[in-house]
Amino acid sequence: MDLEARKISFVQEFLRLQNEDIVSGLEKLLRKRKAELIENNMAPMTQEQYEAEIDQAMDDSKNGRMIKATDLKAKINKWG
């Protein structure tokens, strides 16, 4: 069974659940596993990467490729 079929089967089974304890347990497990995956996929930045990001930021600033925080907040508020 491929991943898509397994997910559909799982969702169907989940929707039939009537026990709140099982649903709560599955929610906790899902949150825990997602957090573990995110943590495991995060790698510290190397010194070279850090310096390259700083150089890029300085270049962006020098060449006017920036937006003020207040302008960005106003733009985001228009999304809602």
Protein backbone atom coordinates (compact mmCIF):
# COMPACT_ATOMS: atom_id res chain seq x y z
CA MET A 1 0.00 0.00 0.00
CA ASP A 2 1.48 3.36 -0.98
CA LEU A 3 1.63 6.36 1.34
CA GLU A 4 -1.45 8.09 -0.08
CA ALA A 5 -3.57 4.96 0.33
CA ARG A 6 -2.27 4.50 3.88
CA LYS A 7 -3.15 8.10 4.77
CA ILE A 8 -6.67 7.73 3.38
CA SER A 9 -7.13 4.49 5.28
CA PHE A 10 -5.85 6.09 8.47
CA VAL A 11 -8.16 9.10 8.12
CA GLN A 12 -11.15 6.85 7.52
CA GLU A 13 -10.29 4.82 10.62
CA PHE A 14 -9.71 8.01 12.61
CA LEU A 15 -13.10 9.41 11.61
CA ARG A 16 -14.80 6.27 12.96
CA LEU A 17 -13.23 6.71 16.42
CA GLN A 18 -15.61 7.43 19.26
CA ASN A 19 -13.11 7.33 22.13
CA GLU A 20 -11.81 10.77 23.14
CA ASP A 21 -8.79 9.26 24.92
CA ILE A 22 -7.61 7.61 21.69
CA VAL A 23 -8.12 10.83 19.74
CA SER A 24 -6.19 12.79 22.38
CA GLY A 25 -3.41 10.22 22.36
CA LEU A 26 -3.11 10.37 18.58
CA GLU A 27 -3.05 14.18 18.67
CA LYS A 28 -0.24 14.14 21.25
CA LEU A 29 1.70 11.53 19.27
CA LEU A 30 1.35 13.55 16.06
CA ARG A 31 2.56 16.76 17.72
CA LYS A 32 5.47 14.93 19.36
CA ARG A 33 6.61 13.20 16.16
CA LYS A 34 6.33 16.40 14.11
CA ALA A 35 8.43 18.26 16.68
CA GLU A 36 11.02 15.45 16.66
CA LEU A 37 11.24 15.50 12.86
CA ILE A 38 11.66 19.27 12.79
CA GLU A 39 14.35 19.10 15.45
CA ASN A 40 16.20 16.29 13.68
CA ASN A 41 16.14 18.13 10.34
CA MET A 42 17.56 21.33 11.77
CA ALA A 43 21.29 21.58 11.44
CA PRO A 44 23.39 24.39 12.85
CA MET A 45 24.63 26.95 10.38
CA THR A 46 28.32 26.80 9.54
CA GLN A 47 30.52 29.86 10.03
CA GLU A 48 30.76 30.18 6.25
CA GLN A 49 26.97 30.10 5.85
CA TYR A 50 26.58 32.66 8.62
CA GLU A 51 29.11 35.02 7.03
CA ALA A 52 27.50 34.56 3.59
CA GLU A 53 24.09 35.48 5.04
CA ILE A 54 25.57 38.61 6.63
CA ASP A 55 27.26 39.56 3.35
CA GLN A 56 23.94 39.07 1.50
CA ALA A 57 22.10 41.20 4.06
CA MET A 58 24.68 43.96 3.78
CA ASP A 59 24.46 43.85 -0.03
CA ASP A 60 20.65 43.95 0.13
CA SER A 61 20.81 46.95 2.44
CA LYS A 62 23.33 48.77 0.25
CA ASN A 63 21.21 48.18 -2.87
CA GLY A 64 17.85 49.12 -1.36
CA ARG A 65 16.40 45.61 -1.29
CA MET A 66 14.79 46.06 2.11
CA ILE A 67 11.41 46.89 3.55
CA LYS A 68 10.74 48.74 6.79
CA ALA A 69 9.15 46.67 9.55
CA THR A 70 6.21 49.09 9.74
CA ASP A 71 5.62 48.75 6.00
CA LEU A 72 5.79 44.97 6.24
CA LYS A 73 3.30 44.94 9.13
CA ALA A 74 0.92 47.12 7.15
CA LYS A 75 1.23 44.80 4.15
CA ILE A 76 0.56 41.73 6.33
CA ASN A 77 -2.49 43.38 7.93
CA LYS A 78 -4.00 43.77 4.46
CA TRP A 79 -3.88 39.98 3.98
CA GLY A 80 -6.45 39.30 6.69
